[in-house]
C-alpha cells in the first residue's frame, strides 16, 4: 500500500468505526502492473458487511478519484460468486462490462467500470 502512495499519490484507506476507531476494513484505489486502469479495491470484516460501511467509504474514495485526482474512470473486479460485491458495485453506479482474466488467477472475474462526467 505505501508503494502505491509513494508512486501514485493514492492507495488504500483504513475503514474504522466512527465512535471507537476500531478498524473494520480497507477501501481505496489500486494500480496493478497488468491493468491500465485504476481499480477500486475494498475488503470488510464479515461482521460489518451489509451495514453501509463499504458504501460510505467507497463513495468518498470515488469522489476523491473524480474531484481531486481528475480520473476519467475507475474499474473494479470481483468473482462471479461474490453477490454482495456485485450488489455493492451496482449500487455505486458501476456498469458491468463483461469478464476479465487477471494474470495468475484461474477463473475469470466480472469486470465493472465507473465513468466520471
PDB file of N, CA and C in Angstrom:
ATOM      1  N   UNK A   1       0.800  -1.217   0.000  1.00  0.00           N
ATOM      2  CA  UNK A   1       0.000   0.000   0.000  1.00  0.00           C
ATOM      3  C   UNK A   1       0.841   1.280   0.000  1.00  0.00           C
ATOM      4  N   UNK A   2       1.955   1.291   0.745  1.00  0.00           N
ATOM      5  CA  UNK A   2       2.770   2.504   0.804  1.00  0.00           C
ATOM      6  C   UNK A   2       3.415   2.802  -0.534  1.00  0.00           C
ATOM      7  N   UNK A   3       3.782   1.771  -1.280  1.00  0.00           N
ATOM      8  CA  UNK A   3       4.382   1.974  -2.596  1.00  0.00           C
ATOM      9  C   UNK A   3       3.393   2.690  -3.515  1.00  0.00           C
ATOM     10  N   UNK A   4       2.127   2.314  -3.449  1.00  0.00           N
ATOM     11  CA  UNK A   4       1.107   2.985  -4.255  1.00  0.00           C
ATOM     12  C   UNK A   4       1.035   4.469  -3.909  1.00  0.00           C
ATOM     13  N   UNK A   5       1.061   4.794  -2.611  1.00  0.00           N
ATOM     14  CA  UNK A   5       1.032   6.200  -2.195  1.00  0.00           C
ATOM     15  C   UNK A   5       2.269   6.937  -2.694  1.00  0.00           C
ATOM     16  N   UNK A   6       3.431   6.326  -2.524  1.00  0.00           N
ATOM     17  CA  UNK A   6       4.677   6.969  -2.951  1.00  0.00           C
ATOM     18  C   UNK A   6       4.743   7.153  -4.457  1.00  0.00           C
ATOM     19  N   UNK A   7       4.322   6.151  -5.204  1.00  0.00           N
ATOM     20  CA  UNK A   7       4.431   6.196  -6.666  1.00  0.00           C
ATOM     21  C   UNK A   7       3.308   6.987  -7.335  1.00  0.00           C
ATOM     22  N   UNK A   8       2.100   6.949  -6.750  1.00  0.00           N
ATOM     23  CA  UNK A   8       0.934   7.498  -7.446  1.00  0.00           C
ATOM     24  C   UNK A   8       0.145   8.538  -6.649  1.00  0.00           C
ATOM     25  N   UNK A   9       0.405   8.637  -5.350  1.00  0.00           N
ATOM     26  CA  UNK A   9      -0.323   9.603  -4.531  1.00  0.00           C
ATOM     27  C   UNK A   9      -1.670   9.118  -4.032  1.00  0.00           C
ATOM     28  N   UNK A  10      -1.941   7.834  -4.179  1.00  0.00           N
ATOM     29  CA  UNK A  10      -3.191   7.257  -3.677  1.00  0.00           C
ATOM     30  C   UNK A  10      -2.960   5.799  -3.347  1.00  0.00           C
ATOM     31  N   UNK A  11      -3.917   5.206  -2.651  1.00  0.00           N
ATOM     32  CA  UNK A  11      -3.813   3.801  -2.261  1.00  0.00           C
ATOM     33  C   UNK A  11      -5.036   3.400  -1.458  1.00  0.00           C
ATOM     34  N   UNK A  12      -4.837   2.489  -0.530  1.00  0.00           N
ATOM     35  CA  UNK A  12      -5.936   2.002   0.306  1.00  0.00           C
ATOM     36  C   UNK A  12      -6.048   2.830   1.579  1.00  0.00           C
ATOM     37  N   UNK A  13      -7.277   3.080   1.997  1.00  0.00           N
ATOM     38  CA  UNK A  13      -7.557   3.766   3.251  1.00  0.00           C
ATOM     39  C   UNK A  13      -8.128   2.760   4.236  1.00  0.00           C
ATOM     40  N   UNK A  14      -7.886   2.987   5.503  1.00  0.00           N
ATOM     41  CA  UNK A  14      -8.441   2.152   6.557  1.00  0.00           C
ATOM     42  C   UNK A  14      -9.870   2.603   6.841  1.00  0.00           C
ATOM     43  N   UNK A  15     -10.797   1.661   6.909  1.00  0.00           N
ATOM     44  CA  UNK A  15     -12.172   1.954   7.310  1.00  0.00           C
ATOM     45  C   UNK A  15     -12.264   1.670   8.803  1.00  0.00           C
ATOM     46  N   UNK A  16     -12.702   2.664   9.567  1.00  0.00           N
ATOM     47  CA  UNK A  16     -12.835   2.494  11.013  1.00  0.00           C
ATOM     48  C   UNK A  16     -14.238   2.896  11.455  1.00  0.00           C
ATOM     49  N   UNK A  17     -14.647   2.377  12.598  1.00  0.00           N
ATOM     50  CA  UNK A  17     -15.909   2.802  13.193  1.00  0.00           C
ATOM     51  C   UNK A  17     -15.725   4.208  13.754  1.00  0.00           C
ATOM     52  N   UNK A  18     -16.683   5.089  13.511  1.00  0.00           N
ATOM     53  CA  UNK A  18     -16.561   6.485  13.943  1.00  0.00           C
ATOM     54  C   UNK A  18     -16.469   6.612  15.458  1.00  0.00           C
ATOM     55  N   UNK A  19     -17.263   5.858  16.186  1.00  0.00           N
ATOM     56  CA  UNK A  19     -17.307   6.000  17.644  1.00  0.00           C
ATOM     57  C   UNK A  19     -16.055   5.497  18.339  1.00  0.00           C
ATOM     58  N   UNK A  20     -15.563   4.337  17.925  1.00  0.00           N
ATOM     59  CA  UNK A  20     -14.453   3.704  18.642  1.00  0.00           C
ATOM     60  C   UNK A  20     -13.122   3.760  17.908  1.00  0.00           C
ATOM     61  N   UNK A  21     -13.151   4.025  16.608  1.00  0.00           N
ATOM     62  CA  UNK A  21     -11.914   3.997  15.826  1.00  0.00           C
ATOM     63  C   UNK A  21     -11.462   2.587  15.484  1.00  0.00           C
ATOM     64  N   UNK A  22     -12.285   1.595  15.799  1.00  0.00           N
ATOM     65  CA  UNK A  22     -11.930   0.202  15.531  1.00  0.00           C
ATOM     66  C   UNK A  22     -11.826  -0.040  14.030  1.00  0.00           C
ATOM     67  N   UNK A  23     -10.702  -0.610  13.569  1.00  0.00           N
ATOM     68  CA  UNK A  23     -10.564  -0.923  12.141  1.00  0.00           C
ATOM     69  C   UNK A  23     -11.507  -2.053  11.741  1.00  0.00           C
ATOM     70  N   UNK A  24     -12.186  -1.855  10.595  1.00  0.00           N
ATOM     71  CA  UNK A  24     -13.107  -2.896  10.129  1.00  0.00           C
ATOM     72  C   UNK A  24     -12.871  -3.276   8.672  1.00  0.00           C
ATOM     73  N   UNK A  25     -11.971  -2.572   7.987  1.00  0.00           N
ATOM     74  CA  UNK A  25     -11.709  -2.907   6.594  1.00  0.00           C
ATOM     75  C   UNK A  25     -10.846  -1.877   5.901  1.00  0.00           C
ATOM     76  N   UNK A  26     -10.746  -2.014   4.586  1.00  0.00           N
ATOM     77  CA  UNK A  26      -9.989  -1.072   3.758  1.00  0.00           C
ATOM     78  C   UNK A  26     -10.784  -0.768   2.491  1.00  0.00           C
ATOM     79  N   UNK A  27     -10.508   0.394   1.922  1.00  0.00           N
ATOM     80  CA  UNK A  27     -11.126   0.775   0.659  1.00  0.00           C
ATOM     81  C   UNK A  27     -10.228   1.827   0.022  1.00  0.00           C
ATOM     82  N   UNK A  28      -9.986   1.693  -1.267  1.00  0.00           N
ATOM     83  CA  UNK A  28      -9.149   2.686  -1.922  1.00  0.00           C
ATOM     84  C   UNK A  28      -8.902   2.367  -3.374  1.00  0.00           C
ATOM     85  N   UNK A  29      -7.908   3.038  -3.909  1.00  0.00           N
ATOM     86  CA  UNK A  29      -7.555   2.924  -5.318  1.00  0.00           C
ATOM     87  C   UNK A  29      -6.246   2.170  -5.453  1.00  0.00           C
ATOM     88  N   UNK A  30      -6.219   1.251  -6.402  1.00  0.00           N
ATOM     89  CA  UNK A  30      -5.076   0.360  -6.585  1.00  0.00           C
ATOM     90  C   UNK A  30      -4.613   0.434  -8.035  1.00  0.00           C
ATOM     91  N   UNK A  31      -3.315   0.370  -8.224  1.00  0.00           N
ATOM     92  CA  UNK A  31      -2.774   0.185  -9.569  1.00  0.00           C
ATOM     93  C   UNK A  31      -2.162  -1.205  -9.626  1.00  0.00           C
ATOM     94  N   UNK A  32      -2.299  -1.826 -10.765  1.00  0.00           N
ATOM     95  CA  UNK A  32      -1.723  -3.159 -10.975  1.00  0.00           C
ATOM     96  C   UNK A  32      -0.941  -3.114 -12.275  1.00  0.00           C
ATOM     97  N   UNK A  33       0.224  -3.699 -12.277  1.00  0.00           N
ATOM     98  CA  UNK A  33       1.112  -3.642 -13.446  1.00  0.00           C
ATOM     99  C   UNK A  33       0.442  -4.179 -14.703  1.00  0.00           C
ATOM    100  N   UNK A  34      -0.423  -5.181 -14.559  1.00  0.00           N
ATOM    101  CA  UNK A  34      -1.008  -5.819 -15.734  1.00  0.00           C
ATOM    102  C   UNK A  34      -2.324  -5.198 -16.185  1.00  0.00           C
ATOM    103  N   UNK A  35      -2.766  -4.128 -15.509  1.00  0.00           N
ATOM    104  CA  UNK A  35      -4.038  -3.475 -15.834  1.00  0.00           C
ATOM    105  C   UNK A  35      -3.785  -1.981 -16.000  1.00  0.00           C
ATOM    106  N   UNK A  36      -4.294  -1.404 -17.081  1.00  0.00           N
ATOM    107  CA  UNK A  36      -4.010   0.009 -17.330  1.00  0.00           C
ATOM    108  C   UNK A  36      -4.871   0.966 -16.514  1.00  0.00           C
ATOM    109  N   UNK A  37      -6.045   0.553 -16.076  1.00  0.00           N
ATOM    110  CA  UNK A  37      -6.941   1.436 -15.324  1.00  0.00           C
ATOM    111  C   UNK A  37      -6.750   1.295 -13.824  1.00  0.00           C
ATOM    112  N   UNK A  38      -7.080   2.355 -13.100  1.00  0.00           N
ATOM    113  CA  UNK A  38      -7.053   2.319 -11.643  1.00  0.00           C
ATOM    114  C   UNK A  38      -8.265   1.527 -11.169  1.00  0.00           C
ATOM    115  N   UNK A  39      -8.053   0.728 -10.149  1.00  0.00           N
ATOM    116  CA  UNK A  39      -9.008  -0.260  -9.661  1.00  0.00           C
ATOM    117  C   UNK A  39      -9.508   0.148  -8.271  1.00  0.00           C
ATOM    118  N   UNK A  40     -10.823   0.099  -8.051  1.00  0.00           N
ATOM    119  CA  UNK A  40     -11.372   0.276  -6.712  1.00  0.00           C
ATOM    120  C   UNK A  40     -11.213  -1.049  -5.976  1.00  0.00           C
ATOM    121  N   UNK A  41     -10.481  -1.016  -4.881  1.00  0.00           N
ATOM    122  CA  UNK A  41     -10.278  -2.219  -4.082  1.00  0.00           C
ATOM    123  C   UNK A  41     -10.874  -2.032  -2.697  1.00  0.00           C
ATOM    124  N   UNK A  42     -11.401  -3.099  -2.130  1.00  0.00           N
ATOM    125  CA  UNK A  42     -12.005  -2.998  -0.804  1.00  0.00           C
ATOM    126  C   UNK A  42     -12.065  -4.362  -0.147  1.00  0.00           C
ATOM    127  N   UNK A  43     -12.143  -4.315   1.167  1.00  0.00           N
ATOM    128  CA  UNK A  43     -12.287  -5.514   1.976  1.00  0.00           C
ATOM    129  C   UNK A  43     -12.915  -5.089   3.300  1.00  0.00           C
ATOM    130  N   UNK A  44     -13.874  -5.849   3.765  1.00  0.00           N
ATOM    131  CA  UNK A  44     -14.570  -5.510   5.001  1.00  0.00           C
ATOM    132  C   UNK A  44     -14.725  -6.772   5.834  1.00  0.00           C
ATOM    133  N   UNK A  45     -14.431  -6.671   7.130  1.00  0.00           N
ATOM    134  CA  UNK A  45     -14.601  -7.816   8.012  1.00  0.00           C
ATOM    135  C   UNK A  45     -16.060  -8.273   7.993  1.00  0.00           C
ATOM    136  N   UNK A  46     -16.251  -9.570   8.017  1.00  0.00           N
ATOM    137  CA  UNK A  46     -17.579 -10.173   7.872  1.00  0.00           C
ATOM    138  C   UNK A  46     -18.651  -9.596   8.805  1.00  0.00           C
ATOM    139  N   UNK A  47     -18.375  -9.381  10.095  1.00  0.00           N
ATOM    140  CA  UNK A  47     -19.441  -8.865  10.967  1.00  0.00           C
ATOM    141  C   UNK A  47     -19.951  -7.468  10.584  1.00  0.00           C
ATOM    142  N   UNK A  48     -19.203  -6.751   9.763  1.00  0.00           N
ATOM    143  CA  UNK A  48     -19.570  -5.376   9.411  1.00  0.00           C
ATOM    144  C   UNK A  48     -20.128  -5.253   7.995  1.00  0.00           C
ATOM    145  N   UNK A  49     -20.211  -6.357   7.298  1.00  0.00           N
ATOM    146  CA  UNK A  49     -20.756  -6.333   5.942  1.00  0.00           C
ATOM    147  C   UNK A  49     -22.269  -6.157   5.985  1.00  0.00           C
ATOM    148  N   UNK A  50     -22.801  -5.451   4.996  1.00  0.00           N
ATOM    149  CA  UNK A  50     -24.241  -5.258   4.895  1.00  0.00           C
ATOM    150  C   UNK A  50     -24.797  -4.137   5.753  1.00  0.00           C
ATOM    151  N   UNK A  51     -23.916  -3.302   6.312  1.00  0.00           N
ATOM    152  CA  UNK A  51     -24.362  -2.208   7.176  1.00  0.00           C
ATOM    153  C   UNK A  51     -24.110  -0.826   6.584  1.00  0.00           C
ATOM    154  N   UNK A  52     -23.676  -0.764   5.332  1.00  0.00           N
ATOM    155  CA  UNK A  52     -23.461   0.525   4.681  1.00  0.00           C
ATOM    156  C   UNK A  52     -22.071   1.105   4.837  1.00  0.00           C
ATOM    157  N   UNK A  53     -21.199   0.442   5.603  1.00  0.00           N
ATOM    158  CA  UNK A  53     -19.851   0.975   5.815  1.00  0.00           C
ATOM    159  C   UNK A  53     -19.049   1.020   4.516  1.00  0.00           C
ATOM    160  N   UNK A  54     -19.113  -0.045   3.753  1.00  0.00           N
ATOM    161  CA  UNK A  54     -18.373  -0.090   2.491  1.00  0.00           C
ATOM    162  C   UNK A  54     -18.898   0.972   1.530  1.00  0.00           C
ATOM    163  N   UNK A  55     -20.200   1.105   1.441  1.00  0.00           N
ATOM    164  CA  UNK A  55     -20.782   2.097   0.533  1.00  0.00           C
ATOM    165  C   UNK A  55     -20.304   3.505   0.897  1.00  0.00           C
ATOM    166  N   UNK A  56     -20.347   3.831   2.174  1.00  0.00           N
ATOM    167  CA  UNK A  56     -19.913   5.157   2.626  1.00  0.00           C
ATOM    168  C   UNK A  56     -18.446   5.403   2.280  1.00  0.00           C
ATOM    169  N   UNK A  57     -17.601   4.417   2.528  1.00  0.00           N
ATOM    170  CA  UNK A  57     -16.174   4.561   2.227  1.00  0.00           C
ATOM    171  C   UNK A  57     -15.936   4.659   0.726  1.00  0.00           C
ATOM    172  N   UNK A  58     -16.604   3.820  -0.045  1.00  0.00           N
ATOM    173  CA  UNK A  58     -16.396   3.808  -1.495  1.00  0.00           C
ATOM    174  C   UNK A  58     -16.877   5.103  -2.143  1.00  0.00           C
ATOM    175  N   UNK A  59     -17.977   5.662  -1.662  1.00  0.00           N
ATOM    176  CA  UNK A  59     -18.453   6.946  -2.192  1.00  0.00           C
ATOM    177  C   UNK A  59     -17.386   8.015  -1.980  1.00  0.00           C
ATOM    178  N   UNK A  60     -16.774   8.046  -0.802  1.00  0.00           N
ATOM    179  CA  UNK A  60     -15.721   9.027  -0.515  1.00  0.00           C
ATOM    180  C   UNK A  60     -14.505   8.809  -1.415  1.00  0.00           C
ATOM    181  N   UNK A  61     -14.102   7.565  -1.602  1.00  0.00           N
ATOM    182  CA  UNK A  61     -12.950   7.252  -2.457  1.00  0.00           C
ATOM    183  C   UNK A  61     -13.240   7.625  -3.909  1.00  0.00           C
ATOM    184  N   UNK A  62     -14.417   7.310  -4.386  1.00  0.00           N
ATOM    185  CA  UNK A  62     -14.769   7.631  -5.774  1.00  0.00           C
ATOM    186  C   UNK A  62     -14.885   9.136  -5.988  1.00  0.00           C
ATOM    187  N   UNK A  63     -15.390   9.854  -4.997  1.00  0.00           N
ATOM    188  CA  UNK A  63     -15.440  11.315  -5.082  1.00  0.00           C
ATOM    189  C   UNK A  63     -14.022  11.880  -5.152  1.00  0.00           C
ATOM    190  N   UNK A  64     -13.119  11.326  -4.358  1.00  0.00           N
ATOM    191  CA  UNK A  64     -11.710  11.731  -4.379  1.00  0.00           C
ATOM    192  C   UNK A  64     -11.096  11.458  -5.757  1.00  0.00           C
ATOM    193  N   UNK A  65     -11.380  10.294  -6.319  1.00  0.00           N
ATOM    194  CA  UNK A  65     -10.850   9.939  -7.645  1.00  0.00           C
ATOM    195  C   UNK A  65     -11.352  10.902  -8.709  1.00  0.00           C
ATOM    196  N   UNK A  66     -12.603  11.291  -8.608  1.00  0.00           N
ATOM    197  CA  UNK A  66     -13.217  12.185  -9.587  1.00  0.00           C
ATOM    198  C   UNK A  66     -12.791  13.636  -9.370  1.00  0.00           C
ATOM    199  N   UNK A  67     -12.988  14.151  -8.165  1.00  0.00           N
ATOM    200  CA  UNK A  67     -12.801  15.577  -7.896  1.00  0.00           C
ATOM    201  C   UNK A  67     -11.345  15.987  -7.671  1.00  0.00           C
ATOM    202  N   UNK A  68     -10.581  15.181  -6.957  1.00  0.00           N
ATOM    203  CA  UNK A  68      -9.206  15.557  -6.620  1.00  0.00           C
ATOM    204  C   UNK A  68      -8.176  15.021  -7.609  1.00  0.00           C
ATOM    205  N   UNK A  69      -8.357  13.786  -8.031  1.00  0.00           N
ATOM    206  CA  UNK A  69      -7.385  13.166  -8.938  1.00  0.00           C
ATOM    207  C   UNK A  69      -7.764  13.336 -10.404  1.00  0.00           C
ATOM    208  N   UNK A  70      -8.991  13.774 -10.660  1.00  0.00           N
ATOM    209  CA  UNK A  70      -9.495  14.026 -12.021  1.00  0.00           C
ATOM    210  C   UNK A  70      -9.396  12.804 -12.933  1.00  0.00           C
ATOM    211  N   UNK A  71      -9.681  11.626 -12.366  1.00  0.00           N
ATOM    212  CA  UNK A  71      -9.712  10.416 -13.181  1.00  0.00           C
ATOM    213  C   UNK A  71     -10.947  10.437 -14.072  1.00  0.00           C
ATOM    214  N   UNK A  72     -10.823   9.867 -15.241  1.00  0.00           N
ATOM    215  CA  UNK A  72     -11.970   9.745 -16.142  1.00  0.00           C
ATOM    216  C   UNK A  72     -12.832   8.543 -15.783  1.00  0.00           C
ATOM    217  N   UNK A  73     -12.192   7.518 -15.202  1.00  0.00           N
ATOM    218  CA  UNK A  73     -12.921   6.305 -14.847  1.00  0.00           C
ATOM    219  C   UNK A  73     -12.143   5.506 -13.821  1.00  0.00           C
ATOM    220  N   UNK A  74     -12.854   4.609 -13.162  1.00  0.00           N
ATOM    221  CA  UNK A  74     -12.278   3.647 -12.229  1.00  0.00           C
ATOM    222  C   UNK A  74     -12.922   2.309 -12.556  1.00  0.00           C
ATOM    223  N   UNK A  75     -12.169   1.236 -12.454  1.00  0.00           N
ATOM    224  CA  UNK A  75     -12.707  -0.094 -12.717  1.00  0.00           C
ATOM    225  C   UNK A  75     -12.744  -0.900 -11.423  1.00  0.00           C
ATOM    226  N   UNK A  76     -13.425  -2.029 -11.467  1.00  0.00           N
ATOM    227  CA  UNK A  76     -13.477  -2.945 -10.335  1.00  0.00           C
ATOM    228  C   UNK A  76     -13.649  -4.362 -10.869  1.00  0.00           C
ATOM    229  N   UNK A  77     -13.164  -5.314 -10.107  1.00  0.00           N
ATOM    230  CA  UNK A  77     -13.237  -6.729 -10.469  1.00  0.00           C
ATOM    231  C   UNK A  77     -13.760  -7.500  -9.272  1.00  0.00           C
ATOM    232  N   UNK A  78     -14.558  -8.505  -9.531  1.00  0.00           N
ATOM    233  CA  UNK A  78     -15.000  -9.387  -8.459  1.00  0.00           C
ATOM    234  C   UNK A  78     -15.350 -10.746  -9.055  1.00  0.00           C
ATOM    235  N   UNK A  79     -15.356 -11.751  -8.217  1.00  0.00           N
ATOM    236  CA  UNK A  79     -15.699 -13.085  -8.709  1.00  0.00           C
ATOM    237  C   UNK A  79     -17.192 -13.153  -9.026  1.00  0.00           C
ATOM    238  N   UNK A  80     -17.541 -14.075  -9.888  1.00  0.00           N
ATOM    239  CA  UNK A  80     -18.942 -14.262 -10.273  1.00  0.00           C
ATOM    240  C   UNK A  80     -19.803 -14.683  -9.080  1.00  0.00           C
ATOM    241  N   UNK A  81     -19.206 -15.334  -8.102  1.00  0.00           N
ATOM    242  CA  UNK A  81     -19.941 -15.837  -6.947  1.00  0.00           C
ATOM    243  C   UNK A  81     -20.132 -14.784  -5.855  1.00  0.00           C
ATOM    244  N   UNK A  82     -19.418 -13.671  -5.927  1.00  0.00           N
ATOM    245  CA  UNK A  82     -19.475 -12.668  -4.863  1.00  0.00           C
ATOM    246  C   UNK A  82     -20.664 -11.724  -5.086  1.00  0.00           C
ATOM    247  N   UNK A  83     -21.835 -12.219  -4.741  1.00  0.00           N
ATOM    248  CA  UNK A  83     -23.084 -11.489  -4.973  1.00  0.00           C
ATOM    249  C   UNK A  83     -23.095 -10.167  -4.209  1.00  0.00           C
ATOM    250  N   UNK A  84     -22.578 -10.149  -2.989  1.00  0.00           N
ATOM    251  CA  UNK A  84     -22.564  -8.917  -2.191  1.00  0.00           C
ATOM    252  C   UNK A  84     -21.711  -7.843  -2.858  1.00  0.00           C
ATOM    253  N   UNK A  85     -20.579  -8.224  -3.398  1.00  0.00           N
ATOM    254  CA  UNK A  85     -19.707  -7.267  -4.073  1.00  0.00           C
ATOM    255  C   UNK A  85     -20.343  -6.760  -5.366  1.00  0.00           C
ATOM    256  N   UNK A  86     -20.967  -7.638  -6.106  1.00  0.00           N
ATOM    257  CA  UNK A  86     -21.660  -7.236  -7.338  1.00  0.00           C
ATOM    258  C   UNK A  86     -22.766  -6.239  -6.996  1.00  0.00           C
ATOM    259  N   UNK A  87     -23.504  -6.516  -5.939  1.00  0.00           N
ATOM    260  CA  UNK A  87     -24.571  -5.613  -5.495  1.00  0.00           C
ATOM    261  C   UNK A  87     -23.990  -4.261  -5.074  1.00  0.00           C
ATOM    262  N   UNK A  88     -22.876  -4.278  -4.342  1.00  0.00           N
ATOM    263  CA  UNK A  88     -22.241  -3.034  -3.889  1.00  0.00           C
ATOM    264  C   UNK A  88     -21.778  -2.192  -5.072  1.00  0.00           C
ATOM    265  N   UNK A  89     -21.159  -2.822  -6.056  1.00  0.00           N
ATOM    266  CA  UNK A  89     -20.682  -2.084  -7.232  1.00  0.00           C
ATOM    267  C   UNK A  89     -21.843  -1.512  -8.039  1.00  0.00           C
ATOM    268  N   UNK A  90     -22.914  -2.260  -8.151  1.00  0.00           N
ATOM    269  CA  UNK A  90     -24.096  -1.774  -8.865  1.00  0.00           C
ATOM    270  C   UNK A  90     -24.692  -0.566  -8.144  1.00  0.00           C
ATOM    271  N   UNK A  91     -24.757  -0.632  -6.818  1.00  0.00           N
ATOM    272  CA  UNK A  91     -25.284   0.480  -6.027  1.00  0.00           C
ATOM    273  C   UNK A  91     -24.399   1.724  -6.153  1.00  0.00           C
ATOM    274  N   UNK A  92     -23.113   1.533  -6.426  1.00  0.00           N
ATOM    275  CA  UNK A  92     -22.172   2.643  -6.622  1.00  0.00           C
ATOM    276  C   UNK A  92     -22.174   3.147  -8.067  1.00  0.00           C
ATOM    277  N   UNK A  93     -23.114   2.655  -8.856  1.00  0.00           N
ATOM    278  CA  UNK A  93     -23.276   3.054 -10.268  1.00  0.00           C
ATOM    279  C   UNK A  93     -22.138   2.602 -11.177  1.00  0.00           C
ATOM    280  N   UNK A  94     -21.526   1.478 -10.837  1.00  0.00           N
ATOM    281  CA  UNK A  94     -20.600   0.835 -11.770  1.00  0.00           C
ATOM    282  C   UNK A  94     -21.445   0.074 -12.781  1.00  0.00           C
ATOM    283  N   UNK A  95     -20.969  -0.005 -13.998  1.00  0.00           N
ATOM    284  CA  UNK A  95     -21.654  -0.773 -15.036  1.00  0.00           C
ATOM    285  C   UNK A  95     -20.880  -2.054 -15.303  1.00  0.00           C
ATOM    286  N   UNK A  96     -21.602  -3.153 -15.411  1.00  0.00           N
ATOM    287  CA  UNK A  96     -20.977  -4.421 -15.763  1.00  0.00           C
ATOM    288  C   UNK A  96     -20.428  -4.312 -17.177  1.00  0.00           C
ATOM    289  N   UNK A  97     -19.192  -4.744 -17.347  1.00  0.00           N
ATOM    290  CA  UNK A  97     -18.510  -4.570 -18.627  1.00  0.00           C
ATOM    291  C   UNK A  97     -17.961  -5.895 -19.139  1.00  0.00           C
ATOM    292  N   UNK A  98     -18.534  -7.001 -18.683  1.00  0.00           N
ATOM    293  CA  UNK A  98     -18.105  -8.309 -19.160  1.00  0.00           C
ATOM    294  C   UNK A  98     -17.194  -9.020 -18.184  1.00  0.00           C
ATOM    295  N   UNK A  99     -16.287  -9.800 -18.749  1.00  0.00           N
ATOM    296  CA  UNK A  99     -15.377 -10.612 -17.943  1.00  0.00           C
ATOM    297  C   UNK A  99     -13.940 -10.231 -18.231  1.00  0.00           C
ATOM    298  N   UNK A 100     -13.087 -10.534 -17.264  1.00  0.00           N
ATOM    299  CA  UNK A 100     -11.669 -10.237 -17.406  1.00  0.00           C
ATOM    300  C   UNK A 100     -10.897 -11.324 -16.685  1.00  0.00           C
ATOM    301  N   UNK A 101      -9.850 -11.802 -17.304  1.00  0.00           N
ATOM    302  CA  UNK A 101      -8.995 -12.799 -16.663  1.00  0.00           C
ATOM    303  C   UNK A 101      -7.749 -12.104 -16.136  1.00  0.00           C
ATOM    304  N   UNK A 102      -7.641 -12.060 -14.817  1.00  0.00           N
ATOM    305  CA  UNK A 102      -6.462 -11.472 -14.193  1.00  0.00           C
ATOM    306  C   UNK A 102      -5.309 -12.458 -14.280  1.00  0.00           C
ATOM    307  N   UNK A 103      -4.142 -12.007 -14.679  1.00  0.00           N
ATOM    308  CA  UNK A 103      -2.986 -12.902 -14.735  1.00  0.00           C
ATOM    309  C   UNK A 103      -2.733 -13.542 -13.368  1.00  0.00           C
ATOM    310  N   UNK A 104      -2.519 -14.834 -13.360  1.00  0.00           N
ATOM    311  CA  UNK A 104      -2.258 -15.560 -12.130  1.00  0.00           C
ATOM    312  C   UNK A 104      -3.497 -16.132 -11.466  1.00  0.00           C
ATOM    313  N   UNK A 105      -4.681 -15.828 -11.998  1.00  0.00           N
ATOM    314  CA  UNK A 105      -5.929 -16.352 -11.452  1.00  0.00           C
ATOM    315  C   UNK A 105      -6.525 -17.335 -12.448  1.00  0.00           C
ATOM    316  N   UNK A 106      -7.013 -18.459 -11.935  1.00  0.00           N
ATOM    317  CA  UNK A 106      -7.567 -19.488 -12.815  1.00  0.00           C
ATOM    318  C   UNK A 106      -8.915 -19.085 -13.394  1.00  0.00           C
ATOM    319  N   UNK A 107      -9.772 -18.484 -12.572  1.00  0.00           N
ATOM    320  CA  UNK A 107     -11.120 -18.138 -13.021  1.00  0.00           C
ATOM    321  C   UNK A 107     -11.193 -16.679 -13.446  1.00  0.00           C
ATOM    322  N   UNK A 108     -12.061 -16.418 -14.403  1.00  0.00           N
ATOM    323  CA  UNK A 108     -12.258 -15.034 -14.827  1.00  0.00           C
ATOM    324  C   UNK A 108     -13.064 -14.285 -13.763  1.00  0.00           C
ATOM    325  N   UNK A 109     -12.952 -12.974 -13.795  1.00  0.00           N
ATOM    326  CA  UNK A 109     -13.673 -12.106 -12.872  1.00  0.00           C
ATOM    327  C   UNK A 109     -14.690 -11.278 -13.636  1.00  0.00           C
ATOM    328  N   UNK A 110     -15.727 -10.843 -12.940  1.00  0.00           N
ATOM    329  CA  UNK A 110     -16.650  -9.870 -13.527  1.00  0.00           C
ATOM    330  C   UNK A 110     -15.933  -8.522 -13.518  1.00  0.00           C
ATOM    331  N   UNK A 111     -16.058  -7.812 -14.610  1.00  0.00           N
ATOM    332  CA  UNK A 111     -15.371  -6.540 -14.807  1.00  0.00           C
ATOM    333  C   UNK A 111     -16.411  -5.431 -14.786  1.00  0.00           C
ATOM    334  N   UNK A 112     -16.182  -4.403 -13.977  1.00  0.00           N
ATOM    335  CA  UNK A 112     -17.089  -3.269 -13.855  1.00  0.00           C
ATOM    336  C   UNK A 112     -16.328  -1.983 -14.136  1.00  0.00           C
ATOM    337  N   UNK A 113     -17.034  -0.981 -14.624  1.00  0.00           N
ATOM    338  CA  UNK A 113     -16.417   0.307 -14.907  1.00  0.00           C
ATOM    339  C   UNK A 113     -17.345   1.430 -14.445  1.00  0.00           C
ATOM    340  N   UNK A 114     -16.746   2.458 -13.872  1.00  0.00           N
ATOM    341  CA  UNK A 114     -17.492   3.666 -13.492  1.00  0.00           C
ATOM    342  C   UNK A 114     -16.814   4.838 -14.179  1.00  0.00           C
ATOM    343  N   UNK A 115     -17.574   5.518 -15.031  1.00  0.00           N
ATOM    344  CA  UNK A 115     -17.048   6.685 -15.741  1.00  0.00           C
ATOM    345  C   UNK A 115     -17.543   7.945 -15.052  1.00  0.00           C
ATOM    346  N   UNK A 116     -16.645   8.911 -14.926  1.00  0.00           N
ATOM    347  CA  UNK A 116     -17.000  10.196 -14.334  1.00  0.00           C
ATOM    348  C   UNK A 116     -17.302  11.180 -15.448  1.00  0.00           C
ATOM    349  N   UNK A 117     -18.239  12.077 -15.200  1.00  0.00           N
ATOM    350  CA  UNK A 117     -18.599  13.042 -16.248  1.00  0.00           C
ATOM    351  C   UNK A 117     -17.833  14.340 -16.089  1.00  0.00           C
TER     352      UNK A 117
END
